[in-house]
C-alpha atoms as a PDB file:
ATOM      1  CA  MET A   1      40.024  50.024 -58.962  1.00  0.00           C
ATOM      2  CA  ARG A   2      38.730  50.228 -55.379  1.00  0.00           C
ATOM      3  CA  ILE A   3      37.225  46.530 -55.598  1.00  0.00           C
ATOM      4  CA  LYS A   4      40.789  45.370 -56.209  1.00  0.00           C
ATOM      5  CA  ILE A   5      42.296  47.430 -53.456  1.00  0.00           C
ATOM      6  CA  LEU A   6      39.824  45.940 -51.433  1.00  0.00           C
ATOM      7  CA  VAL A   7      40.585  42.489 -52.387  1.00  0.00           C
ATOM      8  CA  LEU A   8      44.444  43.004 -51.846  1.00  0.00           C
ATOM      9  CA  PHE A   9      43.485  44.438 -48.319  1.00  0.00           C
ATOM     10  CA  MET A  10      41.664  41.138 -47.389  1.00  0.00           C
ATOM     11  CA  ILE A  11      44.187  38.807 -48.823  1.00  0.00           C
ATOM     12  CA  GLY A  12      46.773  40.489 -46.558  1.00  0.00           C
ATOM     13  CA  PHE A  13      44.340  40.902 -43.805  1.00  0.00           C
ATOM     14  CA  MET A  14      43.583  36.946 -43.829  1.00  0.00           C
ATOM     15  CA  SER A  15      47.201  36.007 -44.327  1.00  0.00           C
ATOM     16  CA  ALA A  16      48.294  37.734 -41.031  1.00  0.00           C
ATOM     17  CA  PHE A  17      45.703  35.256 -39.432  1.00  0.00           C
ATOM     18  CA  THR A  18      46.767  31.889 -41.279  1.00  0.00           C
ATOM     19  CA  PRO A  19      49.218  29.621 -39.713  1.00  0.00           C
ATOM     20  CA  PRO A  20      52.518  29.058 -41.463  1.00  0.00           C
ATOM     21  CA  PHE A  21      51.036  25.747 -42.105  1.00  0.00           C
ATOM     22  CA  SER A  22      49.234  24.601 -45.386  1.00  0.00           C
ATOM     23  CA  GLU A  23      46.329  22.276 -45.011  1.00  0.00           C
ATOM     24  CA  ALA A  24      48.088  19.116 -46.217  1.00  0.00           C
ATOM     25  CA  SER A  25      50.606  19.588 -43.258  1.00  0.00           C
ATOM     26  CA  ILE A  26      47.634  18.901 -40.775  1.00  0.00           C
ATOM     27  CA  GLY A  27      48.216  16.054 -39.020  1.00  0.00           C
ATOM     28  CA  LYS A  28      51.449  15.253 -40.579  1.00  0.00           C
ATOM     29  CA  PRO A  29      55.242  15.834 -39.251  1.00  0.00           C
ATOM     30  CA  ARG A  30      56.680  19.100 -40.277  1.00  0.00           C
ATOM     31  CA  LYS A  31      59.012  19.141 -42.754  1.00  0.00           C
ATOM     32  CA  SER A  32      62.309  20.604 -42.490  1.00  0.00           C
ATOM     33  CA  ALA A  33      66.109  20.141 -43.381  1.00  0.00           C
ATOM     34  CA  ALA A  34      67.612  17.005 -41.408  1.00  0.00           C
ATOM     35  CA  PRO A  35      68.368  18.300 -37.500  1.00  0.00           C
ATOM     36  CA  ALA A  36      71.614  17.747 -36.086  1.00  0.00           C
ATOM     37  CA  PHE A  37      72.284  16.370 -32.772  1.00  0.00           C
ATOM     38  CA  PRO A  38      72.213  19.506 -30.205  1.00  0.00           C
ATOM     39  CA  GLU A  39      75.477  20.370 -28.893  1.00  0.00           C
ATOM     40  CA  ASN A  40      76.956  18.270 -26.198  1.00  0.00           C
ATOM     41  CA  TYR A  41      74.577  15.425 -27.384  1.00  0.00           C
ATOM     42  CA  PRO A  42      76.373  12.148 -27.845  1.00  0.00           C
ATOM     43  CA  ALA A  43      75.504  11.562 -31.323  1.00  0.00           C
ATOM     44  CA  GLU A  44      76.478   7.611 -31.808  1.00  0.00           C
ATOM     45  CA  GLY A  45      74.080   5.167 -31.502  1.00  0.00           C
ATOM     46  CA  ILE A  46      71.457   7.249 -29.289  1.00  0.00           C
ATOM     47  CA  ALA A  47      67.944   8.610 -29.550  1.00  0.00           C
ATOM     48  CA  VAL A  48      67.097  11.917 -27.907  1.00  0.00           C
ATOM     49  CA  PRO A  49      63.966  14.086 -27.948  1.00  0.00           C
ATOM     50  CA  PHE A  50      64.807  17.851 -28.222  1.00  0.00           C
ATOM     51  CA  THR A  51      62.918  21.240 -28.446  1.00  0.00           C
ATOM     52  CA  ARG A  52      63.765  23.331 -31.718  1.00  0.00           C
ATOM     53  CA  ASN A  53      61.981  26.392 -32.599  1.00  0.00           C
ATOM     54  CA  GLY A  54      59.132  26.084 -30.018  1.00  0.00           C
ATOM     55  CA  PHE A  55      58.488  21.935 -31.265  1.00  0.00           C
ATOM     56  CA  PHE A  56      59.541  18.879 -30.436  1.00  0.00           C
ATOM     57  CA  THR A  57      61.837  16.779 -32.635  1.00  0.00           C
ATOM     58  CA  PHE A  58      62.712  13.201 -31.783  1.00  0.00           C
ATOM     59  CA  LEU A  59      66.213  12.446 -33.494  1.00  0.00           C
ATOM     60  CA  TRP A  60      67.684   8.540 -33.893  1.00  0.00           C
ATOM     61  CA  SER A  61      71.055   7.767 -35.107  1.00  0.00           C
ATOM     62  CA  GLU A  62      71.645   7.754 -38.828  1.00  0.00           C
ATOM     63  CA  LYS A  63      72.651   3.889 -38.515  1.00  0.00           C
ATOM     64  CA  MET A  64      69.538   2.888 -37.937  1.00  0.00           C
ATOM     65  CA  MET A  65      68.214   3.634 -41.295  1.00  0.00           C
ATOM     66  CA  GLU A  66      68.822   0.017 -42.476  1.00  0.00           C
ATOM     67  CA  TYR A  67      65.697  -0.909 -40.553  1.00  0.00           C
ATOM     68  CA  ALA A  68      63.648   2.111 -42.233  1.00  0.00           C
ATOM     69  CA  PRO A  69      60.398   2.549 -42.507  1.00  0.00           C
ATOM     70  CA  PHE A  70      59.709   3.125 -38.782  1.00  0.00           C
ATOM     71  CA  TYR A  71      57.011   3.614 -36.553  1.00  0.00           C
ATOM     72  CA  PHE A  72      56.539   6.018 -33.671  1.00  0.00           C
ATOM     73  CA  ILE A  73      54.677   5.654 -30.461  1.00  0.00           C
ATOM     74  CA  LEU A  74      54.064   8.198 -27.670  1.00  0.00           C
ATOM     75  CA  VAL A  75      52.278   7.469 -24.401  1.00  0.00           C
ATOM     76  CA  PRO A  76      52.057   9.073 -21.103  1.00  0.00           C
ATOM     77  CA  LEU A  77      54.223   7.396 -18.312  1.00  0.00           C
ATOM     78  CA  TYR A  78      52.839   6.919 -15.094  1.00  0.00           C
ATOM     79  CA  GLU A  79      54.636   6.230 -11.612  1.00  0.00           C
ATOM     80  CA  TYR A  80      56.220   2.865 -10.869  1.00  0.00           C
ATOM     81  CA  GLN A  81      55.828   2.081 -14.632  1.00  0.00           C
ATOM     82  CA  THR A  82      58.822   1.236 -17.187  1.00  0.00           C
ATOM     83  CA  PRO A  83      58.809   2.654 -20.350  1.00  0.00           C
ATOM     84  CA  GLU A  84      57.965  -0.831 -22.132  1.00  0.00           C
ATOM     85  CA  GLN A  85      54.916  -1.308 -19.669  1.00  0.00           C
ATOM     86  CA  ALA A  86      53.483   2.069 -20.609  1.00  0.00           C
ATOM     87  CA  ILE A  87      53.845   1.520 -24.515  1.00  0.00           C
ATOM     88  CA  LYS A  88      51.937  -1.819 -23.901  1.00  0.00           C
ATOM     89  CA  GLU A  89      49.200  -0.709 -21.377  1.00  0.00           C
ATOM     90  CA  ASN A  90      48.560   3.093 -21.929  1.00  0.00           C
ATOM     91  CA  ASP A  91      46.444   4.930 -24.003  1.00  0.00           C
ATOM     92  CA  ILE A  92      48.482   6.346 -27.233  1.00  0.00           C
ATOM     93  CA  ILE A  93      48.648  10.268 -27.557  1.00  0.00           C
ATOM     94  CA  TYR A  94      50.176  10.101 -30.612  1.00  0.00           C
ATOM     95  CA  LYS A  95      51.566   7.148 -33.191  1.00  0.00           C
ATOM     96  CA  THR A  96      52.678   7.378 -37.036  1.00  0.00           C
ATOM     97  CA  ASP A  97      54.539   4.933 -39.412  1.00  0.00           C
ATOM     98  CA  ASN A  98      56.124   4.841 -42.647  1.00  0.00           C
ATOM     99  CA  ILE A  99      58.930   7.000 -41.264  1.00  0.00           C
ATOM    100  CA  LYS A 100      61.604   7.068 -44.056  1.00  0.00           C
ATOM    101  CA  THR A 101      64.101   9.501 -42.026  1.00  0.00           C
ATOM    102  CA  TYR A 102      65.960   9.229 -38.902  1.00  0.00           C
ATOM    103  CA  TYR A 103      63.880  11.823 -37.084  1.00  0.00           C
ATOM    104  CA  LEU A 104      60.444  13.030 -36.454  1.00  0.00           C
ATOM    105  CA  ASN A 105      59.282  16.565 -35.945  1.00  0.00           C
ATOM    106  CA  TYR A 106      56.219  16.209 -33.738  1.00  0.00           C
ATOM    107  CA  PRO A 107      52.919  17.848 -35.620  1.00  0.00           C
ATOM    108  CA  TRP A 108      52.153  21.301 -34.618  1.00  0.00           C
ATOM    109  CA  ASP A 109      48.522  20.062 -34.372  1.00  0.00           C
ATOM    110  CA  ALA A 110      49.181  16.727 -32.252  1.00  0.00           C
ATOM    111  CA  PRO A 111      48.162  16.807 -28.612  1.00  0.00           C
ATOM    112  CA  ASP A 112      50.056  19.409 -26.362  1.00  0.00           C
ATOM    113  CA  LEU A 113      52.853  18.015 -24.362  1.00  0.00           C
ATOM    114  CA  LYS A 114      53.102  20.042 -21.024  1.00  0.00           C
ATOM    115  CA  GLY A 115      53.679  19.251 -17.703  1.00  0.00           C
ATOM    116  CA  GLY A 116      54.266  15.361 -17.586  1.00  0.00           C
ATOM    117  CA  LYS A 117      56.381  12.057 -18.044  1.00  0.00           C
ATOM    118  CA  PHE A 118      56.190  10.430 -21.502  1.00  0.00           C
ATOM    119  CA  ALA A 119      57.631   7.218 -22.872  1.00  0.00           C
ATOM    120  CA  TRP A 120      58.063   6.932 -26.539  1.00  0.00           C
ATOM    121  CA  GLN A 121      59.134   3.866 -28.914  1.00  0.00           C
ATOM    122  CA  ILE A 122      60.638   3.543 -32.280  1.00  0.00           C
ATOM    123  CA  GLY A 123      60.089   0.208 -34.339  1.00  0.00           C
ATOM    124  CA  SER A 124      60.022  -1.093 -37.570  1.00  0.00           C
ATOM    125  CA  ASP A 125      58.658  -4.506 -39.198  1.00  0.00           C
ATOM    126  CA  LYS A 126      61.641  -6.182 -37.716  1.00  0.00           C
ATOM    127  CA  GLY A 127      60.119  -5.283 -34.057  1.00  0.00           C
ATOM    128  CA  GLU A 128      60.992  -2.577 -31.457  1.00  0.00           C
ATOM    129  CA  LEU A 129      64.144  -0.903 -31.969  1.00  0.00           C
ATOM    130  CA  PHE A 130      64.126   1.297 -28.580  1.00  0.00           C
ATOM    131  CA  THR A 131      62.029   2.460 -25.921  1.00  0.00           C
ATOM    132  CA  SER A 132      62.683   5.648 -23.789  1.00  0.00           C
ATOM    133  CA  PHE A 133      61.110   8.633 -21.880  1.00  0.00           C
ATOM    134  CA  PHE A 134      61.312  12.062 -20.724  1.00  0.00           C
ATOM    135  CA  TRP A 135      59.729  14.577 -18.690  1.00  0.00           C
ATOM    136  CA  ILE A 136      58.584  18.035 -19.340  1.00  0.00           C
ATOM    137  CA  ASP A 137      57.430  21.217 -17.486  1.00  0.00           C
ATOM    138  CA  GLN A 138      54.434  23.421 -17.918  1.00  0.00           C
ATOM    139  CA  GLN A 139      56.146  25.661 -20.457  1.00  0.00           C
ATOM    140  CA  ALA A 140      56.919  22.367 -22.512  1.00  0.00           C
ATOM    141  CA  LYS A 141      60.643  22.286 -21.615  1.00  0.00           C
ATOM    142  CA  ILE A 142      62.448  19.029 -21.359  1.00  0.00           C
ATOM    143  CA  ILE A 143      64.071  18.932 -17.854  1.00  0.00           C
ATOM    144  CA  PHE A 144      64.948  15.711 -17.738  1.00  0.00           C
ATOM    145  CA  GLN A 145      65.701  12.795 -20.200  1.00  0.00           C
ATOM    146  CA  ILE A 146      67.863   9.485 -20.962  1.00  0.00           C
ATOM    147  CA  TYR A 147      69.832   9.424 -23.744  1.00  0.00           C
ATOM    148  CA  ARG A 148      69.152   5.789 -24.676  1.00  0.00           C
ATOM    149  CA  TYR A 149      71.241   3.307 -26.604  1.00  0.00           C
ATOM    150  CA  TYR A 150      69.410   1.290 -28.823  1.00  0.00           C
ATOM    151  CA  ASN A 151      69.969  -2.399 -29.824  1.00  0.00           C
ATOM    152  CA  GLN A 152      71.090  -3.375 -33.431  1.00  0.00           C
ATOM    153  CA  TYR A 153      70.977  -6.626 -35.010  1.00  0.00           C
ATOM    154  CA  ALA A 154      73.814  -8.652 -35.031  1.00  0.00           C
ATOM    155  CA  TYR A 155      74.913 -11.451 -38.086  1.00  0.00           C
ATOM    156  CA  LEU A 156      75.748 -14.822 -37.262  1.00  0.00           C
ATOM    157  CA  LYS A 157      78.866 -16.231 -38.616  1.00  0.00           C
ATOM    158  CA  GLU A 158      80.187 -19.587 -39.630  1.00  0.00           C
ATOM    159  CA  LYS A 159      83.335 -18.789 -37.723  1.00  0.00           C
ATOM    160  CA  LEU A 160      84.184 -16.434 -34.666  1.00  0.00           C
ATOM    161  CA  ASP A 161      86.797 -13.576 -35.363  1.00  0.00           C
ATOM    162  CA  GLY A 162      87.961 -10.845 -32.776  1.00  0.00           C
ATOM    163  CA  SER A 163      84.959  -8.769 -33.150  1.00  0.00           C
ATOM    164  CA  TYR A 164      81.989  -8.770 -30.912  1.00  0.00           C
ATOM    165  CA  HIS A 165      78.574  -7.503 -30.834  1.00  0.00           C
ATOM    166  CA  ILE A 166      77.297  -5.139 -28.051  1.00  0.00           C
ATOM    167  CA  ALA A 167      73.772  -6.318 -26.437  1.00  0.00           C
ATOM    168  CA  PHE A 168      71.777  -3.731 -24.531  1.00  0.00           C
ATOM    169  CA  ASP A 169      69.888  -4.755 -21.165  1.00  0.00           C
ATOM    170  CA  SER A 170      70.665  -8.556 -21.771  1.00  0.00           C
ATOM    171  CA  ARG A 171      68.481  -8.527 -24.703  1.00  0.00           C
ATOM    172  CA  LEU A 172      70.541 -10.201 -27.679  1.00  0.00           C
ATOM    173  CA  TRP A 173      69.342  -9.074 -31.367  1.00  0.00           C
ATOM    174  CA  LEU A 174      69.991 -11.731 -34.063  1.00  0.00           C
ATOM    175  CA  HIS A 175      69.559 -11.953 -37.761  1.00  0.00           C
ATOM    176  CA  TYR A 176      69.298 -15.982 -38.619  1.00  0.00           C
ATOM    177  CA  LYS A 177      68.614 -17.224 -41.980  1.00  0.00           C
ATOM    178  CA  GLU A 178      66.834 -20.751 -41.904  1.00  0.00           C
ATOM    179  CA  PRO A 179      68.556 -22.320 -45.214  1.00  0.00           C
ATOM    180  CA  TYR A 180      66.579 -25.232 -45.736  1.00  0.00           C
ATOM    181  CA  GLN A 181      63.178 -24.718 -47.847  1.00  0.00           C
ATOM    182  CA  GLY A 182      60.471 -27.003 -45.887  1.00  0.00           C
ATOM    183  CA  SER A 183      62.259 -27.168 -42.840  1.00  0.00           C
ATOM    184  CA  LYS A 184      60.313 -28.386 -39.705  1.00  0.00           C
ATOM    185  CA  ALA A 185      62.350 -26.110 -37.618  1.00  0.00           C
ATOM    186  CA  VAL A 186      59.816 -23.988 -35.753  1.00  0.00           C
ATOM    187  CA  ARG A 187      62.167 -22.673 -32.852  1.00  0.00           C
ATOM    188  CA  LEU A 188      65.728 -21.494 -32.755  1.00  0.00           C
ATOM    189  CA  LYS A 189      68.248 -23.885 -31.384  1.00  0.00           C
ATOM    190  CA  PHE A 190      70.898 -22.490 -29.612  1.00  0.00           C
ATOM    191  CA  ARG A 191      73.442 -22.662 -26.579  1.00  0.00           C
ATOM    192  CA  VAL A 192      75.191 -19.552 -24.825  1.00  0.00           C
ATOM    193  CA  PHE A 193      78.565 -19.804 -23.327  1.00  0.00           C
ATOM    194  CA  ASP A 194      80.422 -17.249 -20.948  1.00  0.00           C
ATOM    195  CA  SER A 195      84.259 -16.573 -21.582  1.00  0.00           C
ATOM    196  CA  TYR A 196      85.368 -19.478 -19.681  1.00  0.00           C
ATOM    197  CA  GLY A 197      83.157 -21.831 -21.802  1.00  0.00           C
ATOM    198  CA  TYR A 198      80.414 -22.398 -19.156  1.00  0.00           C
ATOM    199  CA  LYS A 199      76.952 -22.480 -20.685  1.00  0.00           C
ATOM    200  CA  VAL A 200      74.552 -20.016 -19.462  1.00  0.00           C
ATOM    201  CA  ALA A 201      71.755 -20.892 -21.661  1.00  0.00           C
ATOM    202  CA  GLU A 202      70.897 -23.706 -23.732  1.00  0.00           C
ATOM    203  CA  THR A 203      67.806 -25.251 -25.993  1.00  0.00           C
ATOM    204  CA  ASP A 204      67.122 -28.877 -26.419  1.00  0.00           C
ATOM    205  CA  GLU A 205      66.892 -30.480 -29.955  1.00  0.00           C
ATOM    206  CA  THR A 206      63.269 -28.838 -30.213  1.00  0.00           C
ATOM    207  CA  GLY A 207      64.063 -25.257 -29.403  1.00  0.00           C
ATOM    208  CA  SER A 208      62.934 -25.444 -26.029  1.00  0.00           C
ATOM    209  CA  VAL A 209      65.041 -23.806 -23.388  1.00  0.00           C
ATOM    210  CA  ILE A 210      66.427 -25.990 -20.654  1.00  0.00           C
ATOM    211  CA  GLY A 211      66.328 -25.003 -17.132  1.00  0.00           C
ATOM    212  CA  TYR A 212      65.894 -21.378 -17.613  1.00  0.00           C
ATOM    213  CA  PRO A 213      62.782 -19.273 -17.959  1.00  0.00           C
ATOM    214  CA  VAL A 214      63.918 -17.810 -21.410  1.00  0.00           C
ATOM    215  CA  PRO A 215      60.937 -17.498 -23.669  1.00  0.00           C
ATOM    216  CA  VAL A 216      61.094 -20.078 -27.066  1.00  0.00           C
ATOM    217  CA  VAL A 217      62.424 -18.328 -30.027  1.00  0.00           C
ATOM    218  CA  PRO A 218      59.882 -19.285 -33.095  1.00  0.00           C
ATOM    219  CA  ILE A 219      61.743 -19.181 -36.372  1.00  0.00           C
ATOM    220  CA  GLN A 220      60.543 -19.682 -40.171  1.00  0.00           C
ATOM    221  CA  THR A 221      62.163 -20.564 -43.541  1.00  0.00           C
ATOM    222  CA  GLY A 222      64.391 -17.599 -44.586  1.00  0.00           C
ATOM    223  CA  ASP A 223      65.116 -14.653 -42.687  1.00  0.00           C
ATOM    224  CA  ASN A 224      64.406 -14.147 -39.098  1.00  0.00           C
ATOM    225  CA  TRP A 225      64.896 -10.970 -36.972  1.00  0.00           C
ATOM    226  CA  ILE A 226      65.376 -12.596 -33.547  1.00  0.00           C
ATOM    227  CA  GLN A 227      64.837 -10.599 -29.986  1.00  0.00           C
ATOM    228  CA  ILE A 228      66.214 -12.842 -27.140  1.00  0.00           C
ATOM    229  CA  ASN A 229      65.867 -12.143 -23.794  1.00  0.00           C
ATOM    230  CA  LEU A 230      68.660 -13.550 -21.717  1.00  0.00           C
ATOM    231  CA  GLU A 231      68.216 -11.443 -18.531  1.00  0.00           C
ATOM    232  CA  SER A 232      67.061 -14.628 -16.398  1.00  0.00           C
ATOM    233  CA  THR A 233      69.891 -16.463 -17.123  1.00  0.00           C
ATOM    234  CA  GLY A 234      72.105 -14.177 -14.626  1.00  0.00           C
ATOM    235  CA  ILE A 235      74.075 -12.788 -17.379  1.00  0.00           C
ATOM    236  CA  SER A 236      76.228  -9.733 -16.123  1.00  0.00           C
ATOM    237  CA  LEU A 237      77.189  -6.545 -17.756  1.00  0.00           C
ATOM    238  CA  ASP A 238      80.494  -5.768 -19.178  1.00  0.00           C
ATOM    239  CA  ASN A 239      81.175  -9.469 -19.457  1.00  0.00           C
ATOM    240  CA  TYR A 240      81.849 -11.337 -22.742  1.00  0.00           C
ATOM    241  CA  TYR A 241      79.584 -14.293 -24.061  1.00  0.00           C
ATOM    242  CA  THR A 242      79.185 -16.313 -27.183  1.00  0.00           C
ATOM    243  CA  ILE A 243      75.945 -17.802 -28.746  1.00  0.00           C
ATOM    244  CA  GLU A 244      76.069 -20.996 -30.982  1.00  0.00           C
ATOM    245  CA  VAL A 245      72.926 -21.651 -33.619  1.00  0.00           C
ATOM    246  CA  TRP A 246      73.069 -24.757 -34.910  1.00  0.00           C
ATOM    247  CA  ASP A 247      70.464 -25.569 -38.136  1.00  0.00           C
ATOM    248  CA  GLU A 248      68.528 -28.421 -38.966  1.00  0.00           C
ATOM    249  CA  LYS A 249      71.112 -30.202 -40.873  1.00  0.00           C
ATOM    250  CA  GLY A 250      73.581 -29.518 -37.832  1.00  0.00           C
ATOM    251  CA  GLY A 251      75.439 -26.624 -39.461  1.00  0.00           C
ATOM    252  CA  LYS A 252      76.795 -24.104 -36.612  1.00  0.00           C
ATOM    253  CA  TYR A 253      76.840 -20.354 -36.595  1.00  0.00           C
ATOM    254  CA  TYR A 254      78.310 -18.051 -34.074  1.00  0.00           C
ATOM    255  CA  GLN A 255      78.311 -14.509 -32.521  1.00  0.00           C
ATOM    256  CA  ARG A 256      80.247 -13.193 -29.748  1.00  0.00           C
ATOM    257  CA  PHE A 257      78.795 -10.499 -27.673  1.00  0.00           C
ATOM    258  CA  LYS A 258      79.106  -8.244 -24.760  1.00  0.00           C
ATOM    259  CA  VAL A 259      76.439  -7.005 -22.201  1.00  0.00           C
ATOM    260  CA  ALA A 260      76.061  -3.446 -21.525  1.00  0.00           C
ATOM    261  CA  SER A 261      73.601  -1.069 -19.918  1.00  0.00           C
ATOM    262  CA  SER A 262      71.522   1.103 -22.578  1.00  0.00           C
ATOM    263  CA  TYR A 263      71.118   3.909 -20.196  1.00  0.00           C
ATOM    264  CA  PRO A 264      74.901   5.389 -20.101  1.00  0.00           C
ATOM    265  CA  TYR A 265      73.476   8.906 -20.676  1.00  0.00           C
ATOM    266  CA  ILE A 266      71.318  11.056 -18.638  1.00  0.00           C
ATOM    267  CA  GLN A 267      70.892  14.342 -18.688  1.00  0.00           C
ATOM    268  CA  LEU A 268      69.134  17.286 -16.096  1.00  0.00           C
ATOM    269  CA  LYS A 269      68.173  20.343 -17.603  1.00  0.00           C
END
């Protein structure tokens, strides 16, 4: 009887000092019900970090699930760096992949986030989806953050209709399917027109960009998930443009798009 009482006492004593996580959870994001966007957060098409129950949760729109699974990268952000530069140049604080949800609970045993500026990025096998940043104080409270819209891939059409795609930060993301097996095409051939019909960017028959320092866009037979940086062409916010793409046999495909800023929401807490 005494032995039984002693065993029960030891179990109770040890459980009082055992963290509420199993060994299997160490190094892995916490599991919980899917979070909702906090009150007053614009929930459509954005990504935000916030604190919940003393932990960080990184959340993005459910509409991004078509690009899952995701990878997640978190790095320090230093003065005079853009978030994109920080992701490429700085040591990684935390990285994980194969995320099959639209949120990430920051692991309890990952490095502490206190008193600093941080950049974070979500992407998939189709490439970077968005990169953003936030600042926190010594109590791990978010004091400044960007509610950043993310780009989505637009599908080219054989005929234009009344719809248009939104391209954030002069970066046009396209899905292009090269239809011909054994095609010799290795670069995307395209033209971009403004709403008045003037060309603002074009390539020659080899896919080399004419007159603008726009990087060439490599392609292959089948599906291509393409990101075209048109910033150097001088395209401007809130204006409408049309891209025309042609395949090896002269078939043409189109997409109308509007250029917008991905930083419409800024909140200081």
